[in-house]
Amino acid sequence: MKAFSILMLMLLLFGGIGTAWADGTADAGTKLGRGVQNVAFGWFEVINEIGIEADRRGPWIGVPSGLFRGAGLAIARTFVGVIEILSFPVPNDSEGGYGPIIQPETVFKRR
């Protein structure tokens, strides 16, 4: 259990190290970091969507709809994160790019 806790702490601390370059290009480290962030923080989609939907539709309709919408997005973002972690050395497209599979690329970059 202690080793798992240390591993999770390292992933959270160093998950964002591979960030995109200033010109917008990405590399394998960027893809790995993005995947770790999406796995670790994918559940934030629930909180984000509840807030967005409550602002848009009011709390009585927005909270339940945001909960369901956020749950779906959280599952999708976490799944994409796992795919990016497992395939980080492999480019996403035929041009050798490591761009994001899902937009926005992390939960912290809102639409």
PDB file of N, CA and C in Angstrom:
ATOM      1  N   MET A   1       0.828  -1.196   0.000  1.00  0.00           N
ATOM      2  CA  MET A   1       0.000   0.000   0.000  1.00  0.00           C
ATOM      3  C   MET A   1       0.863   1.248   0.000  1.00  0.00           C
ATOM      4  N   LYS A   2       1.986   1.193   0.734  1.00  0.00           N
ATOM      5  CA  LYS A   2       2.873   2.349   0.793  1.00  0.00           C
ATOM      6  C   LYS A   2       3.482   2.625  -0.587  1.00  0.00           C
ATOM      7  N   ALA A   3       3.861   1.581  -1.295  1.00  0.00           N
ATOM      8  CA  ALA A   3       4.438   1.761  -2.625  1.00  0.00           C
ATOM      9  C   ALA A   3       3.411   2.357  -3.588  1.00  0.00           C
ATOM     10  N   PHE A   4       2.166   1.915  -3.480  1.00  0.00           N
ATOM     11  CA  PHE A   4       1.111   2.462  -4.332  1.00  0.00           C
ATOM     12  C   PHE A   4       0.895   3.945  -4.041  1.00  0.00           C
ATOM     13  N   SER A   5       0.900   4.313  -2.773  1.00  0.00           N
ATOM     14  CA  SER A   5       0.731   5.724  -2.395  1.00  0.00           C
ATOM     15  C   SER A   5       1.864   6.579  -2.937  1.00  0.00           C
ATOM     16  N   ILE A   6       3.083   6.079  -2.851  1.00  0.00           N
ATOM     17  CA  ILE A   6       4.231   6.821  -3.374  1.00  0.00           C
ATOM     18  C   ILE A   6       4.129   6.950  -4.890  1.00  0.00           C
ATOM     19  N   LEU A   7       3.722   5.886  -5.560  1.00  0.00           N
ATOM     20  CA  LEU A   7       3.561   5.928  -7.014  1.00  0.00           C
ATOM     21  C   LEU A   7       2.509   6.950  -7.418  1.00  0.00           C
ATOM     22  N   MET A   8       1.371   6.956  -6.743  1.00  0.00           N
ATOM     23  CA  MET A   8       0.312   7.916  -7.066  1.00  0.00           C
ATOM     24  C   MET A   8       0.778   9.351  -6.815  1.00  0.00           C
ATOM     25  N   LEU A   9       1.503   9.584  -5.738  1.00  0.00           N
ATOM     26  CA  LEU A   9       2.025  10.920  -5.451  1.00  0.00           C
ATOM     27  C   LEU A   9       2.985  11.366  -6.549  1.00  0.00           C
ATOM     28  N   MET A  10       3.847  10.462  -7.004  1.00  0.00           N
ATOM     29  CA  MET A  10       4.786  10.811  -8.073  1.00  0.00           C
ATOM     30  C   MET A  10       4.042  11.109  -9.371  1.00  0.00           C
ATOM     31  N   LEU A  11       3.007  10.326  -9.671  1.00  0.00           N
ATOM     32  CA  LEU A  11       2.237  10.580 -10.886  1.00  0.00           C
ATOM     33  C   LEU A  11       1.539  11.929 -10.832  1.00  0.00           C
ATOM     34  N   LEU A  12       1.003  12.278  -9.673  1.00  0.00           N
ATOM     35  CA  LEU A  12       0.329  13.564  -9.542  1.00  0.00           C
ATOM     36  C   LEU A  12       1.312  14.720  -9.641  1.00  0.00           C
ATOM     37  N   LEU A  13       2.490  14.565  -9.035  1.00  0.00           N
ATOM     38  CA  LEU A  13       3.469  15.649  -9.047  1.00  0.00           C
ATOM     39  C   LEU A  13       4.130  15.819 -10.406  1.00  0.00           C
ATOM     40  N   PHE A  14       4.430  14.698 -11.054  1.00  0.00           N
ATOM     41  CA  PHE A  14       5.183  14.773 -12.292  1.00  0.00           C
ATOM     42  C   PHE A  14       4.346  14.519 -13.536  1.00  0.00           C
ATOM     43  N   GLY A  15       3.044  14.413 -13.377  1.00  0.00           N
ATOM     44  CA  GLY A  15       2.164  14.137 -14.511  1.00  0.00           C
ATOM     45  C   GLY A  15       2.140  15.241 -15.537  1.00  0.00           C
ATOM     46  N   GLY A  16       2.337  16.474 -15.117  1.00  0.00           N
ATOM     47  CA  GLY A  16       2.271  17.597 -16.039  1.00  0.00           C
ATOM     48  C   GLY A  16       3.603  18.036 -16.598  1.00  0.00           C
ATOM     49  N   ILE A  17       4.664  17.253 -16.378  1.00  0.00           N
ATOM     50  CA  ILE A  17       5.983  17.671 -16.841  1.00  0.00           C
ATOM     51  C   ILE A  17       6.055  17.746 -18.353  1.00  0.00           C
ATOM     52  N   GLY A  18       5.498  16.771 -19.039  1.00  0.00           N
ATOM     53  CA  GLY A  18       5.550  16.786 -20.497  1.00  0.00           C
ATOM     54  C   GLY A  18       4.487  17.701 -21.066  1.00  0.00           C
ATOM     55  N   THR A  19       4.770  18.978 -21.099  1.00  0.00           N
ATOM     56  CA  THR A  19       3.798  19.929 -21.635  1.00  0.00           C
ATOM     57  C   THR A  19       4.175  20.290 -23.060  1.00  0.00           C
ATOM     58  N   ALA A  20       3.222  20.775 -23.796  1.00  0.00           N
ATOM     59  CA  ALA A  20       3.456  21.113 -25.204  1.00  0.00           C
ATOM     60  C   ALA A  20       4.446  22.266 -25.313  1.00  0.00           C
ATOM     61  N   TRP A  21       5.192  22.262 -26.384  1.00  0.00           N
ATOM     62  CA  TRP A  21       6.165  23.319 -26.632  1.00  0.00           C
ATOM     63  C   TRP A  21       5.442  24.615 -26.969  1.00  0.00           C
ATOM     64  N   ALA A  22       6.180  25.700 -26.980  1.00  0.00           N
ATOM     65  CA  ALA A  22       5.594  27.025 -27.221  1.00  0.00           C
ATOM     66  C   ALA A  22       4.932  27.111 -28.599  1.00  0.00           C
ATOM     67  N   ASP A  23       5.436  26.385 -29.566  1.00  0.00           N
ATOM     68  CA  ASP A  23       4.850  26.443 -30.906  1.00  0.00           C
ATOM     69  C   ASP A  23       3.669  25.487 -31.073  1.00  0.00           C
ATOM     70  N   GLY A  24       3.255  24.817 -29.981  1.00  0.00           N
ATOM     71  CA  GLY A  24       2.088  23.956 -30.032  1.00  0.00           C
ATOM     72  C   GLY A  24       2.380  22.508 -30.364  1.00  0.00           C
ATOM     73  N   THR A  25       3.631  22.176 -30.662  1.00  0.00           N
ATOM     74  CA  THR A  25       3.954  20.789 -30.961  1.00  0.00           C
ATOM     75  C   THR A  25       4.062  19.986 -29.671  1.00  0.00           C
ATOM     76  N   ALA A  26       3.866  18.702 -29.772  1.00  0.00           N
ATOM     77  CA  ALA A  26       3.922  17.825 -28.612  1.00  0.00           C
ATOM     78  C   ALA A  26       4.863  16.663 -28.911  1.00  0.00           C
ATOM     79  N   ASP A  27       5.316  16.013 -27.857  1.00  0.00           N
ATOM     80  CA  ASP A  27       6.165  14.848 -28.021  1.00  0.00           C
ATOM     81  C   ASP A  27       5.614  13.716 -27.165  1.00  0.00           C
ATOM     82  N   ALA A  28       6.348  12.611 -27.080  1.00  0.00           N
ATOM     83  CA  ALA A  28       5.870  11.455 -26.321  1.00  0.00           C
ATOM     84  C   ALA A  28       5.697  11.788 -24.838  1.00  0.00           C
ATOM     85  N   GLY A  29       6.564  12.627 -24.290  1.00  0.00           N
ATOM     86  CA  GLY A  29       6.436  13.034 -22.888  1.00  0.00           C
ATOM     87  C   GLY A  29       5.171  13.836 -22.649  1.00  0.00           C
ATOM     88  N   THR A  30       4.825  14.671 -23.612  1.00  0.00           N
ATOM     89  CA  THR A  30       3.582  15.435 -23.527  1.00  0.00           C
ATOM     90  C   THR A  30       2.389  14.499 -23.502  1.00  0.00           C
ATOM     91  N   LYS A  31       2.418  13.505 -24.371  1.00  0.00           N
ATOM     92  CA  LYS A  31       1.317  12.547 -24.448  1.00  0.00           C
ATOM     93  C   LYS A  31       1.204  11.746 -23.153  1.00  0.00           C
ATOM     94  N   LEU A  32       2.332  11.334 -22.589  1.00  0.00           N
ATOM     95  CA  LEU A  32       2.315  10.595 -21.332  1.00  0.00           C
ATOM     96  C   LEU A  32       1.787  11.464 -20.192  1.00  0.00           C
ATOM     97  N   GLY A  33       2.264  12.692 -20.095  1.00  0.00           N
ATOM     98  CA  GLY A  33       1.802  13.597 -19.046  1.00  0.00           C
ATOM     99  C   GLY A  33       0.319  13.900 -19.156  1.00  0.00           C
ATOM    100  N   ARG A  34      -0.145  14.095 -20.378  1.00  0.00           N
ATOM    101  CA  ARG A  34      -1.567  14.354 -20.616  1.00  0.00           C
ATOM    102  C   ARG A  34      -2.406  13.141 -20.210  1.00  0.00           C
ATOM    103  N   GLY A  35      -1.913  11.945 -20.512  1.00  0.00           N
ATOM    104  CA  GLY A  35      -2.625  10.733 -20.132  1.00  0.00           C
ATOM    105  C   GLY A  35      -2.708  10.560 -18.626  1.00  0.00           C
ATOM    106  N   VAL A  36      -1.606  10.835 -17.937  1.00  0.00           N
ATOM    107  CA  VAL A  36      -1.599  10.725 -16.478  1.00  0.00           C
ATOM    108  C   VAL A  36      -2.561  11.743 -15.863  1.00  0.00           C
ATOM    109  N   GLN A  37      -2.552  12.964 -16.379  1.00  0.00           N
ATOM    110  CA  GLN A  37      -3.484  13.978 -15.876  1.00  0.00           C
ATOM    111  C   GLN A  37      -4.931  13.557 -16.098  1.00  0.00           C
ATOM    112  N   ASN A  38      -5.231  13.006 -17.246  1.00  0.00           N
ATOM    113  CA  ASN A  38      -6.605  12.613 -17.546  1.00  0.00           C
ATOM    114  C   ASN A  38      -7.061  11.436 -16.684  1.00  0.00           C
ATOM    115  N   VAL A  39      -6.160  10.510 -16.385  1.00  0.00           N
ATOM    116  CA  VAL A  39      -6.530   9.400 -15.505  1.00  0.00           C
ATOM    117  C   VAL A  39      -6.708   9.891 -14.070  1.00  0.00           C
ATOM    118  N   ALA A  40      -5.788  10.722 -13.612  1.00  0.00           N
ATOM    119  CA  ALA A  40      -5.833  11.173 -12.221  1.00  0.00           C
ATOM    120  C   ALA A  40      -6.973  12.149 -11.958  1.00  0.00           C
ATOM    121  N   PHE A  41      -7.272  13.013 -12.913  1.00  0.00           N
ATOM    122  CA  PHE A  41      -8.237  14.086 -12.672  1.00  0.00           C
ATOM    123  C   PHE A  41      -9.456  14.036 -13.579  1.00  0.00           C
ATOM    124  N   GLY A  42      -9.693  12.925 -14.240  1.00  0.00           N
ATOM    125  CA  GLY A  42     -10.848  12.813 -15.121  1.00  0.00           C
ATOM    126  C   GLY A  42     -12.167  13.016 -14.397  1.00  0.00           C
ATOM    127  N   TRP A  43     -12.219  12.644 -13.136  1.00  0.00           N
ATOM    128  CA  TRP A  43     -13.454  12.793 -12.377  1.00  0.00           C
ATOM    129  C   TRP A  43     -13.809  14.250 -12.120  1.00  0.00           C
ATOM    130  N   PHE A  44     -12.879  15.188 -12.332  1.00  0.00           N
ATOM    131  CA  PHE A  44     -13.192  16.614 -12.209  1.00  0.00           C
ATOM    132  C   PHE A  44     -14.249  17.039 -13.219  1.00  0.00           C
ATOM    133  N   GLU A  45     -14.433  16.254 -14.278  1.00  0.00           N
ATOM    134  CA  GLU A  45     -15.453  16.577 -15.269  1.00  0.00           C
ATOM    135  C   GLU A  45     -16.837  16.662 -14.622  1.00  0.00           C
ATOM    136  N   VAL A  46     -17.084  15.827 -13.614  1.00  0.00           N
ATOM    137  CA  VAL A  46     -18.383  15.849 -12.935  1.00  0.00           C
ATOM    138  C   VAL A  46     -18.591  17.214 -12.279  1.00  0.00           C
ATOM    139  N   ILE A  47     -17.597  17.684 -11.561  1.00  0.00           N
ATOM    140  CA  ILE A  47     -17.696  18.975 -10.882  1.00  0.00           C
ATOM    141  C   ILE A  47     -17.838  20.108 -11.894  1.00  0.00           C
ATOM    142  N   ASN A  48     -17.019  20.071 -12.943  1.00  0.00           N
ATOM    143  CA  ASN A  48     -17.083  21.121 -13.969  1.00  0.00           C
ATOM    144  C   ASN A  48     -18.447  21.173 -14.639  1.00  0.00           C
ATOM    145  N   GLU A  49     -18.958  20.025 -15.022  1.00  0.00           N
ATOM    146  CA  GLU A  49     -20.229  19.999 -15.745  1.00  0.00           C
ATOM    147  C   GLU A  49     -21.408  20.385 -14.855  1.00  0.00           C
ATOM    148  N   ILE A  50     -21.362  20.035 -13.585  1.00  0.00           N
ATOM    149  CA  ILE A  50     -22.424  20.474 -12.679  1.00  0.00           C
ATOM    150  C   ILE A  50     -22.444  21.997 -12.615  1.00  0.00           C
ATOM    151  N   GLY A  51     -21.275  22.605 -12.492  1.00  0.00           N
ATOM    152  CA  GLY A  51     -21.203  24.071 -12.466  1.00  0.00           C
ATOM    153  C   GLY A  51     -21.657  24.711 -13.761  1.00  0.00           C
ATOM    154  N   ILE A  52     -21.223  24.169 -14.877  1.00  0.00           N
ATOM    155  CA  ILE A  52     -21.588  24.725 -16.186  1.00  0.00           C
ATOM    156  C   ILE A  52     -23.094  24.609 -16.427  1.00  0.00           C
ATOM    157  N   GLU A  53     -23.637  23.422 -16.168  1.00  0.00           N
ATOM    158  CA  GLU A  53     -25.062  23.213 -16.403  1.00  0.00           C
ATOM    159  C   GLU A  53     -25.925  23.996 -15.417  1.00  0.00           C
ATOM    160  N   ALA A  54     -25.481  24.124 -14.171  1.00  0.00           N
ATOM    161  CA  ALA A  54     -26.244  24.908 -13.196  1.00  0.00           C
ATOM    162  C   ALA A  54     -26.261  26.380 -13.577  1.00  0.00           C
ATOM    163  N   ASP A  55     -25.155  26.890 -14.107  1.00  0.00           N
ATOM    164  CA  ASP A  55     -25.130  28.277 -14.582  1.00  0.00           C
ATOM    165  C   ASP A  55     -26.017  28.460 -15.806  1.00  0.00           C
ATOM    166  N   ARG A  56     -26.027  27.481 -16.675  1.00  0.00           N
ATOM    167  CA  ARG A  56     -26.765  27.580 -17.926  1.00  0.00           C
ATOM    168  C   ARG A  56     -28.271  27.378 -17.730  1.00  0.00           C
ATOM    169  N   ARG A  57     -28.672  26.392 -16.929  1.00  0.00           N
ATOM    170  CA  ARG A  57     -30.080  26.013 -16.829  1.00  0.00           C
ATOM    171  C   ARG A  57     -30.708  26.270 -15.468  1.00  0.00           C
ATOM    172  N   GLY A  58     -29.918  26.721 -14.502  1.00  0.00           N
ATOM    173  CA  GLY A  58     -30.436  26.878 -13.154  1.00  0.00           C
ATOM    174  C   GLY A  58     -30.137  25.631 -12.339  1.00  0.00           C
ATOM    175  N   PRO A  59     -30.151  25.741 -11.011  1.00  0.00           N
ATOM    176  CA  PRO A  59     -29.712  24.626 -10.184  1.00  0.00           C
ATOM    177  C   PRO A  59     -30.632  23.406 -10.212  1.00  0.00           C
ATOM    178  N   TRP A  60     -31.937  23.588 -10.379  1.00  0.00           N
ATOM    179  CA  TRP A  60     -32.845  22.451 -10.299  1.00  0.00           C
ATOM    180  C   TRP A  60     -32.724  21.509 -11.491  1.00  0.00           C
ATOM    181  N   ILE A  61     -32.414  22.036 -12.631  1.00  0.00           N
ATOM    182  CA  ILE A  61     -32.228  21.193 -13.817  1.00  0.00           C
ATOM    183  C   ILE A  61     -30.745  20.972 -14.086  1.00  0.00           C
ATOM    184  N   GLY A  62     -29.929  21.979 -13.814  1.00  0.00           N
ATOM    185  CA  GLY A  62     -28.512  21.914 -14.135  1.00  0.00           C
ATOM    186  C   GLY A  62     -27.715  20.924 -13.318  1.00  0.00           C
ATOM    187  N   VAL A  63     -28.033  20.791 -12.033  1.00  0.00           N
ATOM    188  CA  VAL A  63     -27.259  19.869 -11.194  1.00  0.00           C
ATOM    189  C   VAL A  63     -27.454  18.413 -11.623  1.00  0.00           C
ATOM    190  N   PRO A  64     -28.698  17.940 -11.773  1.00  0.00           N
ATOM    191  CA  PRO A  64     -28.819  16.546 -12.225  1.00  0.00           C
ATOM    192  C   PRO A  64     -28.287  16.308 -13.643  1.00  0.00           C
ATOM    193  N   SER A  65     -28.560  17.239 -14.549  1.00  0.00           N
ATOM    194  CA  SER A  65     -28.066  17.027 -15.914  1.00  0.00           C
ATOM    195  C   SER A  65     -26.553  17.137 -15.964  1.00  0.00           C
ATOM    196  N   GLY A  66     -25.974  18.046 -15.183  1.00  0.00           N
ATOM    197  CA  GLY A  66     -24.522  18.155 -15.118  1.00  0.00           C
ATOM    198  C   GLY A  66     -23.877  16.929 -14.505  1.00  0.00           C
ATOM    199  N   LEU A  67     -24.565  16.334 -13.550  1.00  0.00           N
ATOM    200  CA  LEU A  67     -24.058  15.109 -12.919  1.00  0.00           C
ATOM    201  C   LEU A  67     -23.964  13.978 -13.940  1.00  0.00           C
ATOM    202  N   PHE A  68     -25.020  13.780 -14.701  1.00  0.00           N
ATOM    203  CA  PHE A  68     -25.012  12.704 -15.700  1.00  0.00           C
ATOM    204  C   PHE A  68     -24.057  12.999 -16.854  1.00  0.00           C
ATOM    205  N   ARG A  69     -24.071  14.234 -17.330  1.00  0.00           N
ATOM    206  CA  ARG A  69     -23.167  14.618 -18.416  1.00  0.00           C
ATOM    207  C   ARG A  69     -21.717  14.518 -17.962  1.00  0.00           C
ATOM    208  N   GLY A  70     -21.439  15.007 -16.755  1.00  0.00           N
ATOM    209  CA  GLY A  70     -20.081  14.952 -16.213  1.00  0.00           C
ATOM    210  C   GLY A  70     -19.593  13.534 -15.992  1.00  0.00           C
ATOM    211  N   ALA A  71     -20.496  12.652 -15.548  1.00  0.00           N
ATOM    212  CA  ALA A  71     -20.113  11.250 -15.345  1.00  0.00           C
ATOM    213  C   ALA A  71     -19.701  10.603 -16.670  1.00  0.00           C
ATOM    214  N   GLY A  72     -20.458  10.889 -17.708  1.00  0.00           N
ATOM    215  CA  GLY A  72     -20.103  10.351 -19.020  1.00  0.00           C
ATOM    216  C   GLY A  72     -18.777  10.888 -19.529  1.00  0.00           C
ATOM    217  N   LEU A  73     -18.577  12.188 -19.373  1.00  0.00           N
ATOM    218  CA  LEU A  73     -17.311  12.787 -19.805  1.00  0.00           C
ATOM    219  C   LEU A  73     -16.142  12.295 -18.965  1.00  0.00           C
ATOM    220  N   ALA A  74     -16.369  12.063 -17.670  1.00  0.00           N
ATOM    221  CA  ALA A  74     -15.303  11.562 -16.798  1.00  0.00           C
ATOM    222  C   ALA A  74     -14.866  10.166 -17.231  1.00  0.00           C
ATOM    223  N   ILE A  75     -15.834   9.333 -17.560  1.00  0.00           N
ATOM    224  CA  ILE A  75     -15.500   7.983 -18.029  1.00  0.00           C
ATOM    225  C   ILE A  75     -14.716   8.060 -19.341  1.00  0.00           C
ATOM    226  N   ALA A  76     -15.169   8.899 -20.261  1.00  0.00           N
ATOM    227  CA  ALA A  76     -14.478   9.035 -21.548  1.00  0.00           C
ATOM    228  C   ALA A  76     -13.069   9.585 -21.363  1.00  0.00           C
ATOM    229  N   ARG A  77     -12.912  10.621 -20.533  1.00  0.00           N
ATOM    230  CA  ARG A  77     -11.598  11.234 -20.326  1.00  0.00           C
ATOM    231  C   ARG A  77     -10.633  10.251 -19.657  1.00  0.00           C
ATOM    232  N   THR A  78     -11.115   9.490 -18.688  1.00  0.00           N
ATOM    233  CA  THR A  78     -10.264   8.507 -18.016  1.00  0.00           C
ATOM    234  C   THR A  78      -9.847   7.408 -18.988  1.00  0.00           C
ATOM    235  N   PHE A  79     -10.768   6.947 -19.809  1.00  0.00           N
ATOM    236  CA  PHE A  79     -10.446   5.922 -20.807  1.00  0.00           C
ATOM    237  C   PHE A  79      -9.410   6.435 -21.801  1.00  0.00           C
ATOM    238  N   VAL A  80      -9.586   7.658 -22.275  1.00  0.00           N
ATOM    239  CA  VAL A  80      -8.617   8.250 -23.206  1.00  0.00           C
ATOM    240  C   VAL A  80      -7.263   8.396 -22.527  1.00  0.00           C
ATOM    241  N   GLY A  81      -7.250   8.750 -21.249  1.00  0.00           N
ATOM    242  CA  GLY A  81      -5.995   8.851 -20.507  1.00  0.00           C
ATOM    243  C   GLY A  81      -5.260   7.528 -20.447  1.00  0.00           C
ATOM    244  N   VAL A  82      -5.999   6.450 -20.215  1.00  0.00           N
ATOM    245  CA  VAL A  82      -5.381   5.122 -20.187  1.00  0.00           C
ATOM    246  C   VAL A  82      -4.795   4.787 -21.556  1.00  0.00           C
ATOM    247  N   ILE A  83      -5.540   5.079 -22.613  1.00  0.00           N
ATOM    248  CA  ILE A  83      -5.049   4.826 -23.975  1.00  0.00           C
ATOM    249  C   ILE A  83      -3.772   5.626 -24.233  1.00  0.00           C
ATOM    250  N   GLU A  84      -3.743   6.898 -23.816  1.00  0.00           N
ATOM    251  CA  GLU A  84      -2.557   7.720 -24.050  1.00  0.00           C
ATOM    252  C   GLU A  84      -1.361   7.242 -23.231  1.00  0.00           C
ATOM    253  N   ILE A  85      -1.587   6.760 -22.026  1.00  0.00           N
ATOM    254  CA  ILE A  85      -0.479   6.227 -21.219  1.00  0.00           C
ATOM    255  C   ILE A  85       0.087   4.972 -21.872  1.00  0.00           C
ATOM    256  N   LEU A  86      -0.790   4.086 -22.298  1.00  0.00           N
ATOM    257  CA  LEU A  86      -0.328   2.826 -22.884  1.00  0.00           C
ATOM    258  C   LEU A  86       0.346   3.010 -24.240  1.00  0.00           C
ATOM    259  N   SER A  87      -0.046   4.045 -24.979  1.00  0.00           N
ATOM    260  CA  SER A  87       0.487   4.233 -26.333  1.00  0.00           C
ATOM    261  C   SER A  87       1.356   5.477 -26.462  1.00  0.00           C
ATOM    262  N   PHE A  88       1.922   5.965 -25.356  1.00  0.00           N
ATOM    263  CA  PHE A  88       2.639   7.239 -25.441  1.00  0.00           C
ATOM    264  C   PHE A  88       3.834   7.249 -26.384  1.00  0.00           C
ATOM    265  N   PRO A  89       4.559   6.148 -26.606  1.00  0.00           N
ATOM    266  CA  PRO A  89       5.679   6.250 -27.554  1.00  0.00           C
ATOM    267  C   PRO A  89       5.248   6.259 -29.022  1.00  0.00           C
ATOM    268  N   VAL A  90       3.984   5.958 -29.298  1.00  0.00           N
ATOM    269  CA  VAL A  90       3.496   5.845 -30.669  1.00  0.00           C
ATOM    270  C   VAL A  90       2.775   7.130 -31.068  1.00  0.00           C
ATOM    271  N   PRO A  91       3.143   7.748 -32.203  1.00  0.00           N
ATOM    272  CA  PRO A  91       2.438   8.957 -32.653  1.00  0.00           C
ATOM    273  C   PRO A  91       0.968   8.670 -32.966  1.00  0.00           C
ATOM    274  N   ASN A  92       0.135   9.699 -32.826  1.00  0.00           N
ATOM    275  CA  ASN A  92      -1.305   9.547 -33.056  1.00  0.00           C
ATOM    276  C   ASN A  92      -1.685   9.566 -34.525  1.00  0.00           C
ATOM    277  N   ASP A  93      -0.908  10.225 -35.354  1.00  0.00           N
ATOM    278  CA  ASP A  93      -1.292  10.349 -36.757  1.00  0.00           C
ATOM    279  C   ASP A  93      -0.133   9.952 -37.661  1.00  0.00           C
ATOM    280  N   SER A  94      -0.397   9.909 -38.950  1.00  0.00           N
ATOM    281  CA  SER A  94       0.611   9.473 -39.917  1.00  0.00           C
ATOM    282  C   SER A  94       1.738  10.476 -40.079  1.00  0.00           C
ATOM    283  N   GLU A  95       1.523  11.712 -39.606  1.00  0.00           N
ATOM    284  CA  GLU A  95       2.559  12.744 -39.724  1.00  0.00           C
ATOM    285  C   GLU A  95       3.518  12.743 -38.538  1.00  0.00           C
ATOM    286  N   GLY A  96       3.344  11.821 -37.602  1.00  0.00           N
ATOM    287  CA  GLY A  96       4.239  11.725 -36.461  1.00  0.00           C
ATOM    288  C   GLY A  96       3.894  12.661 -35.325  1.00  0.00           C
ATOM    289  N   GLY A  97       2.658  13.123 -35.266  1.00  0.00           N
ATOM    290  CA  GLY A  97       2.249  14.042 -34.212  1.00  0.00           C
ATOM    291  C   GLY A  97       1.747  13.328 -32.975  1.00  0.00           C
ATOM    292  N   TYR A  98       1.859  14.009 -31.849  1.00  0.00           N
ATOM    293  CA  TYR A  98       1.415  13.469 -30.567  1.00  0.00           C
ATOM    294  C   TYR A  98       0.284  14.321 -29.991  1.00  0.00           C
ATOM    295  N   GLY A  99      -0.567  14.833 -30.836  1.00  0.00           N
ATOM    296  CA  GLY A  99      -1.659  15.691 -30.403  1.00  0.00           C
ATOM    297  C   GLY A  99      -2.683  14.956 -29.553  1.00  0.00           C
ATOM    298  N   PRO A 100      -3.573  15.709 -28.919  1.00  0.00           N
ATOM    299  CA  PRO A 100      -4.558  15.080 -28.036  1.00  0.00           C
ATOM    300  C   PRO A 100      -5.618  14.299 -28.803  1.00  0.00           C
ATOM    301  N   ILE A 101      -6.128  13.266 -28.160  1.00  0.00           N
ATOM    302  CA  ILE A 101      -7.199  12.466 -28.738  1.00  0.00           C
ATOM    303  C   ILE A 101      -8.544  13.123 -28.468  1.00  0.00           C
ATOM    304  N   ILE A 102      -8.678  13.769 -27.312  1.00  0.00           N
ATOM    305  CA  ILE A 102      -9.931  14.374 -26.873  1.00  0.00           C
ATOM    306  C   ILE A 102      -9.697  15.869 -26.646  1.00  0.00           C
ATOM    307  N   GLN A 103     -10.712  16.674 -26.926  1.00  0.00           N
ATOM    308  CA  GLN A 103     -10.624  18.124 -26.705  1.00  0.00           C
ATOM    309  C   GLN A 103     -11.596  18.528 -25.621  1.00  0.00           C
ATOM    310  N   PRO A 104     -11.242  19.394 -24.722  1.00  0.00           N
ATOM    311  CA  PRO A 104      -9.916  19.918 -24.470  1.00  0.00           C
ATOM    312  C   PRO A 104      -8.989  18.808 -23.986  1.00  0.00           C
ATOM    313  N   GLU A 105      -7.700  19.007 -24.157  1.00  0.00           N
ATOM    314  CA  GLU A 105      -6.769  17.908 -23.903  1.00  0.00           C
ATOM    315  C   GLU A 105      -6.691  17.495 -22.439  1.00  0.00           C
ATOM    316  N   THR A 106      -6.953  18.388 -21.494  1.00  0.00           N
ATOM    317  CA  THR A 106      -7.064  18.015 -20.087  1.00  0.00           C
ATOM    318  C   THR A 106      -8.297  18.685 -19.507  1.00  0.00           C
ATOM    319  N   VAL A 107      -8.703  18.234 -18.360  1.00  0.00           N
ATOM    320  CA  VAL A 107      -9.906  18.771 -17.721  1.00  0.00           C
ATOM    321  C   VAL A 107      -9.687  20.225 -17.287  1.00  0.00           C
ATOM    322  N   PHE A 108      -8.448  20.632 -17.138  1.00  0.00           N
ATOM    323  CA  PHE A 108      -8.153  21.984 -16.685  1.00  0.00           C
ATOM    324  C   PHE A 108      -8.148  23.008 -17.811  1.00  0.00           C
ATOM    325  N   LYS A 109      -8.224  22.566 -19.045  1.00  0.00           N
ATOM    326  CA  LYS A 109      -8.310  23.471 -20.192  1.00  0.00           C
ATOM    327  C   LYS A 109      -9.745  23.422 -20.700  1.00  0.00           C
ATOM    328  N   ARG A 110     -10.549  24.310 -20.207  1.00  0.00           N
ATOM    329  CA  ARG A 110     -11.981  24.291 -20.519  1.00  0.00           C
ATOM    330  C   ARG A 110     -12.253  24.740 -21.936  1.00  0.00           C
ATOM    331  N   ARG A 111     -13.393  24.297 -22.439  1.00  0.00           N
ATOM    332  CA  ARG A 111     -13.828  24.624 -23.793  1.00  0.00           C
ATOM    333  C   ARG A 111     -14.114  26.087 -23.937  1.00  0.00           C
TER     334      ARG A 111
END
